[in-house]
C-alpha atoms as a PDB file:
ATOM      1  CA  MET A   1      11.800 -12.816  -4.940  1.00  0.00           C
ATOM      2  CA  ALA A   2      12.855  -9.091  -4.870  1.00  0.00           C
ATOM      3  CA  ASN A   3      10.175  -6.468  -3.849  1.00  0.00           C
ATOM      4  CA  GLN A   4       8.076  -8.912  -2.102  1.00  0.00           C
ATOM      5  CA  LEU A   5       5.689  -8.596   1.461  1.00  0.00           C
ATOM      6  CA  ILE A   6       6.745 -12.285   2.501  1.00  0.00           C
ATOM      7  CA  THR A   7       8.776 -15.114   1.185  1.00  0.00           C
ATOM      8  CA  LEU A   8       8.904 -19.087   1.266  1.00  0.00           C
ATOM      9  CA  ASP A   9      11.773 -19.537   3.242  1.00  0.00           C
ATOM     10  CA  GLU A  10       9.618 -16.859   6.147  1.00  0.00           C
ATOM     11  CA  TYR A  11       6.116 -18.838   5.660  1.00  0.00           C
ATOM     12  CA  LYS A  12       8.485 -22.264   6.207  1.00  0.00           C
ATOM     13  CA  THR A  13       9.595 -20.873  10.046  1.00  0.00           C
ATOM     14  CA  TYR A  14       6.120 -19.609  10.158  1.00  0.00           C
ATOM     15  CA  LYS A  15       4.830 -22.819   9.717  1.00  0.00           C
ATOM     16  CA  GLY A  16       7.634 -25.096  10.825  1.00  0.00           C
ATOM     17  CA  ILE A  17       7.875 -27.251   8.035  1.00  0.00           C
ATOM     18  CA  ARG A  18      10.952 -28.659   6.556  1.00  0.00           C
ATOM     19  CA  SER A  19      10.295 -30.476   3.196  1.00  0.00           C
ATOM     20  CA  VAL A  20      10.194 -29.043  -0.218  1.00  0.00           C
ATOM     21  CA  GLU A  21       7.569 -31.430  -1.168  1.00  0.00           C
ATOM     22  CA  LYS A  22       4.898 -28.338  -1.487  1.00  0.00           C
ATOM     23  CA  ASP A  23       7.804 -25.558  -2.341  1.00  0.00           C
ATOM     24  CA  ASP A  24       6.245 -25.021  -5.468  1.00  0.00           C
ATOM     25  CA  GLN A  25       1.818 -24.454  -4.438  1.00  0.00           C
ATOM     26  CA  ILE A  26       3.297 -22.500  -1.803  1.00  0.00           C
ATOM     27  CA  ARG A  27       5.524 -20.085  -3.693  1.00  0.00           C
ATOM     28  CA  PHE A  28       2.860 -19.353  -6.410  1.00  0.00           C
ATOM     29  CA  ILE A  29       0.300 -19.073  -3.350  1.00  0.00           C
ATOM     30  CA  ILE A  30       3.165 -16.521  -1.991  1.00  0.00           C
ATOM     31  CA  SER A  31       3.183 -14.433  -5.352  1.00  0.00           C
ATOM     32  CA  ALA A  32      -0.906 -14.156  -5.150  1.00  0.00           C
ATOM     33  CA  VAL A  33      -0.759 -12.958  -1.946  1.00  0.00           C
ATOM     34  CA  ASN A  34       1.603 -10.710  -2.314  1.00  0.00           C
ATOM     35  CA  SER A  35      -0.060  -9.409  -5.426  1.00  0.00           C
ATOM     36  CA  PHE A  36      -4.098  -9.117  -3.847  1.00  0.00           C
ATOM     37  CA  VAL A  37      -2.014  -7.310  -0.779  1.00  0.00           C
ATOM     38  CA  LYS A  38      -0.485  -4.798  -2.836  1.00  0.00           C
ATOM     39  CA  ASN A  39      -3.714  -4.184  -4.785  1.00  0.00           C
ATOM     40  CA  TYR A  40      -5.680  -4.364  -2.092  1.00  0.00           C
ATOM     41  CA  CYS A  41      -4.201  -1.501  -0.021  1.00  0.00           C
ATOM     42  CA  ASN A  42      -3.354   0.079  -3.419  1.00  0.00           C
ATOM     43  CA  ARG A  43       0.495   0.634  -2.146  1.00  0.00           C
ATOM     44  CA  THR A  44       3.296  -1.083  -3.319  1.00  0.00           C
ATOM     45  CA  PHE A  45       4.942  -0.808   0.491  1.00  0.00           C
ATOM     46  CA  VAL A  46       8.390  -2.330  -0.862  1.00  0.00           C
ATOM     47  CA  ASP A  47       8.784  -1.491  -4.136  1.00  0.00           C
ATOM     48  CA  GLN A  48      10.478   1.724  -4.660  1.00  0.00           C
ATOM     49  CA  TYR A  49      12.754   1.102  -0.773  1.00  0.00           C
ATOM     50  CA  ASP A  50      15.695   0.207  -3.005  1.00  0.00           C
ATOM     51  CA  THR A  51      15.324   1.118  -6.479  1.00  0.00           C
ATOM     52  CA  GLY A  52      15.849   5.191  -6.583  1.00  0.00           C
ATOM     53  CA  ASN A  53      13.086   5.118  -8.742  1.00  0.00           C
ATOM     54  CA  GLU A  54      10.724   8.171  -7.564  1.00  0.00           C
ATOM     55  CA  LEU A  55       6.928   8.137  -7.235  1.00  0.00           C
ATOM     56  CA  THR A  56       5.287  11.182  -9.501  1.00  0.00           C
ATOM     57  CA  THR A  57       2.290  12.058  -7.246  1.00  0.00           C
ATOM     58  CA  TYR A  58      -0.518  14.428  -8.799  1.00  0.00           C
ATOM     59  CA  PHE A  59      -3.260  16.022  -6.892  1.00  0.00           C
ATOM     60  CA  ASP A  60      -6.473  18.163  -8.439  1.00  0.00           C
ATOM     61  CA  GLY A  61      -8.488  20.622  -7.122  1.00  0.00           C
ATOM     62  CA  THR A  62      -7.331  23.792  -4.596  1.00  0.00           C
ATOM     63  CA  GLY A  63      -9.247  23.246  -1.738  1.00  0.00           C
ATOM     64  CA  THR A  64      -6.695  20.789   0.477  1.00  0.00           C
ATOM     65  CA  ASN A  65      -3.909  22.711   2.847  1.00  0.00           C
ATOM     66  CA  LEU A  66      -3.011  18.272   3.338  1.00  0.00           C
ATOM     67  CA  VAL A  67      -1.964  15.758   1.012  1.00  0.00           C
ATOM     68  CA  TYR A  68      -1.820  12.476   2.057  1.00  0.00           C
ATOM     69  CA  LEU A  69       1.021  10.510  -0.639  1.00  0.00           C
ATOM     70  CA  ASP A  70       0.173   6.337  -0.506  1.00  0.00           C
ATOM     71  CA  GLU A  71       3.698   5.141  -0.019  1.00  0.00           C
ATOM     72  CA  CYS A  72       4.616   5.802   3.273  1.00  0.00           C
ATOM     73  CA  PRO A  73       6.692   6.459   5.272  1.00  0.00           C
ATOM     74  CA  LEU A  74       8.322   8.588   3.138  1.00  0.00           C
ATOM     75  CA  ILE A  75      12.108   8.165   2.604  1.00  0.00           C
ATOM     76  CA  ASN A  76      12.766  11.220   0.611  1.00  0.00           C
ATOM     77  CA  VAL A  77      10.379  14.619  -0.482  1.00  0.00           C
ATOM     78  CA  ALA A  78      12.305  15.664  -4.035  1.00  0.00           C
ATOM     79  CA  THR A  79      10.288  18.683  -4.934  1.00  0.00           C
ATOM     80  CA  VAL A  80       6.799  19.782  -4.162  1.00  0.00           C
ATOM     81  CA  SER A  81       5.402  21.989  -6.646  1.00  0.00           C
ATOM     82  CA  THR A  82       1.959  24.344  -7.415  1.00  0.00           C
ATOM     83  CA  SER A  83      -0.253  24.964 -10.949  1.00  0.00           C
ATOM     84  CA  ILE A  84      -2.573  27.051 -12.248  1.00  0.00           C
ATOM     85  CA  ASP A  85      -2.629  25.942 -15.662  1.00  0.00           C
ATOM     86  CA  GLY A  86      -3.358  22.348 -15.696  1.00  0.00           C
ATOM     87  CA  GLY A  87       0.697  21.018 -15.350  1.00  0.00           C
ATOM     88  CA  ILE A  88       2.153  23.398 -17.815  1.00  0.00           C
ATOM     89  CA  THR A  89       3.576  25.903 -15.673  1.00  0.00           C
ATOM     90  CA  GLN A  90       5.254  24.345 -12.110  1.00  0.00           C
ATOM     91  CA  GLU A  91       6.474  26.785  -9.616  1.00  0.00           C
ATOM     92  CA  LEU A  92       8.602  25.087  -7.036  1.00  0.00           C
ATOM     93  CA  LEU A  93       8.114  25.691  -3.514  1.00  0.00           C
ATOM     94  CA  VAL A  94      10.539  25.262  -0.666  1.00  0.00           C
ATOM     95  CA  GLU A  95      10.004  23.162   2.082  1.00  0.00           C
ATOM     96  CA  ASP A  96       9.427  24.642   5.846  1.00  0.00           C
ATOM     97  CA  THR A  97       9.022  28.125   4.562  1.00  0.00           C
ATOM     98  CA  ASP A  98       5.581  26.983   1.655  1.00  0.00           C
ATOM     99  CA  TYR A  99       5.213  23.406   3.233  1.00  0.00           C
ATOM    100  CA  TYR A 100       6.110  21.076   6.276  1.00  0.00           C
ATOM    101  CA  VAL A 101       6.613  16.890   5.736  1.00  0.00           C
ATOM    102  CA  ASP A 102       5.275  14.379   7.734  1.00  0.00           C
ATOM    103  CA  MET A 103       7.712  11.419   6.898  1.00  0.00           C
ATOM    104  CA  GLN A 104       5.983   9.308   9.049  1.00  0.00           C
ATOM    105  CA  GLU A 105       2.855  10.031   8.029  1.00  0.00           C
ATOM    106  CA  GLY A 106       3.080  10.499   4.429  1.00  0.00           C
ATOM    107  CA  THR A 107       1.686  14.165   4.298  1.00  0.00           C
ATOM    108  CA  ILE A 108       2.562  17.428   2.778  1.00  0.00           C
ATOM    109  CA  GLN A 109       0.572  20.421   4.473  1.00  0.00           C
ATOM    110  CA  THR A 110       0.871  24.033   3.991  1.00  0.00           C
ATOM    111  CA  VAL A 111       3.224  25.453   6.497  1.00  0.00           C
ATOM    112  CA  SER A 112       0.414  28.585   6.452  1.00  0.00           C
ATOM    113  CA  GLY A 113      -2.933  27.075   7.010  1.00  0.00           C
ATOM    114  CA  SER A 114      -4.284  27.585   3.483  1.00  0.00           C
ATOM    115  CA  VAL A 115      -5.261  25.874   0.632  1.00  0.00           C
ATOM    116  CA  PHE A 116      -2.224  24.850  -2.282  1.00  0.00           C
ATOM    117  CA  VAL A 117      -3.006  26.481  -5.207  1.00  0.00           C
ATOM    118  CA  LEU A 118      -5.124  29.623  -4.884  1.00  0.00           C
ATOM    119  CA  GLY A 119      -7.140  31.197  -8.130  1.00  0.00           C
ATOM    120  CA  ALA A 120      -6.204  28.512 -10.683  1.00  0.00           C
ATOM    121  CA  THR A 121      -7.995  28.221 -13.649  1.00  0.00           C
ATOM    122  CA  ASN A 122      -7.710  24.960 -14.303  1.00  0.00           C
ATOM    123  CA  PRO A 123      -7.695  22.521 -11.222  1.00  0.00           C
ATOM    124  CA  HIS A 124      -6.518  19.373 -12.900  1.00  0.00           C
ATOM    125  CA  LYS A 125      -2.621  18.844 -11.988  1.00  0.00           C
ATOM    126  CA  THR A 126      -3.014  21.397  -9.418  1.00  0.00           C
ATOM    127  CA  LEU A 127      -0.234  20.225  -6.665  1.00  0.00           C
ATOM    128  CA  GLU A 128       3.016  17.511  -8.308  1.00  0.00           C
ATOM    129  CA  VAL A 129       5.067  15.624  -5.542  1.00  0.00           C
ATOM    130  CA  VAL A 130       7.763  14.107  -6.481  1.00  0.00           C
ATOM    131  CA  TYR A 131       9.300  11.419  -3.858  1.00  0.00           C
ATOM    132  CA  LEU A 132      10.372   8.083  -2.510  1.00  0.00           C
ATOM    133  CA  GLY A 133       8.710   5.769   0.245  1.00  0.00           C
ATOM    134  CA  GLY A 134       8.528   2.412   1.740  1.00  0.00           C
ATOM    135  CA  TYR A 135       9.488   0.381   3.683  1.00  0.00           C
ATOM    136  CA  GLU A 136      13.023  -1.553   3.636  1.00  0.00           C
ATOM    137  CA  VAL A 137      10.665  -4.587   4.620  1.00  0.00           C
ATOM    138  CA  ALA A 138       7.273  -5.174   5.419  1.00  0.00           C
ATOM    139  CA  PRO A 139       6.020  -4.730   8.925  1.00  0.00           C
ATOM    140  CA  ASP A 140       5.431  -7.345  10.914  1.00  0.00           C
ATOM    141  CA  ASP A 141       2.534  -7.210  11.698  1.00  0.00           C
ATOM    142  CA  LEU A 142       1.487  -6.437   7.778  1.00  0.00           C
ATOM    143  CA  LYS A 143       3.754  -9.984   7.789  1.00  0.00           C
ATOM    144  CA  ILE A 144       1.865 -12.411   9.932  1.00  0.00           C
ATOM    145  CA  ALA A 145      -1.492 -10.835   8.249  1.00  0.00           C
ATOM    146  CA  CYS A 146      -0.270 -12.470   4.930  1.00  0.00           C
ATOM    147  CA  LEU A 147       1.464 -15.187   6.336  1.00  0.00           C
ATOM    148  CA  ASP A 148      -2.063 -16.713   7.564  1.00  0.00           C
ATOM    149  CA  LEU A 149      -3.737 -15.278   4.455  1.00  0.00           C
ATOM    150  CA  VAL A 150      -1.351 -18.163   3.068  1.00  0.00           C
ATOM    151  CA  GLU A 151      -2.443 -20.496   4.718  1.00  0.00           C
ATOM    152  CA  TYR A 152      -5.970 -19.953   4.337  1.00  0.00           C
ATOM    153  CA  TYR A 153      -5.323 -20.676   0.711  1.00  0.00           C
ATOM    154  CA  LYS A 154      -3.237 -23.776   0.924  1.00  0.00           C
ATOM    155  CA  GLU A 155      -5.421 -25.393   3.379  1.00  0.00           C
ATOM    156  CA  GLU A 156      -7.980 -24.378   0.795  1.00  0.00           C
ATOM    157  CA  SER A 157      -9.723 -22.623   4.194  1.00  0.00           C
ATOM    158  CA  TYR A 158     -11.993 -20.734   2.384  1.00  0.00           C
ATOM    159  CA  THR A 159     -13.932 -24.067   0.688  1.00  0.00           C
ATOM    160  CA  PRO A 160     -16.438 -25.925   3.187  1.00  0.00           C
ATOM    161  CA  LYS A 161     -15.943 -28.959   4.722  1.00  0.00           C
ATOM    162  CA  LYS A 162     -16.919 -31.811   2.739  1.00  0.00           C
ATOM    163  CA  SER A 163     -18.988 -33.788   5.720  1.00  0.00           C
ATOM    164  CA  LEU A 164     -21.714 -30.836   5.421  1.00  0.00           C
ATOM    165  CA  LYS A 165     -25.031 -31.545   3.580  1.00  0.00           C
ATOM    166  CA  SER A 166     -25.405 -28.721   0.866  1.00  0.00           C
ATOM    167  CA  SER A 167     -28.172 -26.434   2.743  1.00  0.00           C
ATOM    168  CA  GLU A 168     -25.265 -26.157   5.057  1.00  0.00           C
ATOM    169  CA  THR A 169     -22.576 -24.665   3.147  1.00  0.00           C
ATOM    170  CA  THR A 170     -24.326 -21.791   1.852  1.00  0.00           C
ATOM    171  CA  GLN A 171     -23.704 -20.132   5.001  1.00  0.00           C
ATOM    172  CA  PHE A 172     -19.495 -21.044   5.100  1.00  0.00           C
ATOM    173  CA  ILE A 173     -19.071 -19.519   1.889  1.00  0.00           C
ATOM    174  CA  THR A 174     -17.359 -15.999   2.199  1.00  0.00           C
ATOM    175  CA  LYS A 175     -16.362 -13.482  -0.419  1.00  0.00           C
ATOM    176  CA  GLU A 176     -14.267 -11.923   2.394  1.00  0.00           C
ATOM    177  CA  LEU A 177     -10.874 -12.443   3.316  1.00  0.00           C
ATOM    178  CA  PRO A 178     -10.892 -13.531   6.907  1.00  0.00           C
ATOM    179  CA  PRO A 179     -11.690 -10.437   9.454  1.00  0.00           C
ATOM    180  CA  HIS A 180      -8.648 -11.286  11.408  1.00  0.00           C
ATOM    181  CA  ILE A 181      -6.887 -10.419   8.111  1.00  0.00           C
ATOM    182  CA  LYS A 182      -9.080  -7.759   6.966  1.00  0.00           C
ATOM    183  CA  ARG A 183      -8.026  -6.111  10.349  1.00  0.00           C
ATOM    184  CA  VAL A 184      -4.624  -6.129   9.844  1.00  0.00           C
ATOM    185  CA  PHE A 185      -4.535  -4.974   5.888  1.00  0.00           C
ATOM    186  CA  ASP A 186      -7.695  -2.360   6.581  1.00  0.00           C
ATOM    187  CA  LEU A 187      -4.494  -0.512   8.543  1.00  0.00           C
ATOM    188  CA  TYR A 188      -2.481  -0.150   5.333  1.00  0.00           C
ATOM    189  CA  ARG A 189      -4.987   0.323   3.403  1.00  0.00           C
ATOM    190  CA  VAL A 190      -5.094   3.413   1.217  1.00  0.00           C
ATOM    191  CA  ILE A 191      -8.749   4.612   0.076  1.00  0.00           C
ATOM    192  CA  TYR A 192      -9.504   7.199  -3.038  1.00  0.00           C
END
């Protein structure tokens, strides 16, 4: 499946599975995990890489000289422009004259260190960035965390074992991701 962080073949290789008996169940879980991770991290990782469909991101306010883009690493920054009237008119900025781009970190920063927009009458859409970003393939640590999450759901590790007494089950019920998986996802999470 296109634009997936992990695939059925990767999971089966990771777990040493040769049988096709549970492929439909595993495909379903993989699809859910792929969607979950993208939603949890507030980014798509691999969806933009080959599409050529640029993203347009707006930033409100005038008090910043550094902005972070969601889909990084950056592939290309097409335009960066500012507006003092809520995005109605735009002033195109020039790279290395008005701003610097850190392609790996996914940041854009003013050259002078001053804020991007001064004197805006409307702080809405004061900065517009049109760019392409993301990974060709998901990073290995993210893939392993996704594969482990598929296993977690496939084996129903989130449910207590049947041999436990009902009074003992509450300590095993959690609304959190397994800590080793959550730590990796949090490395890639964009928090607004």
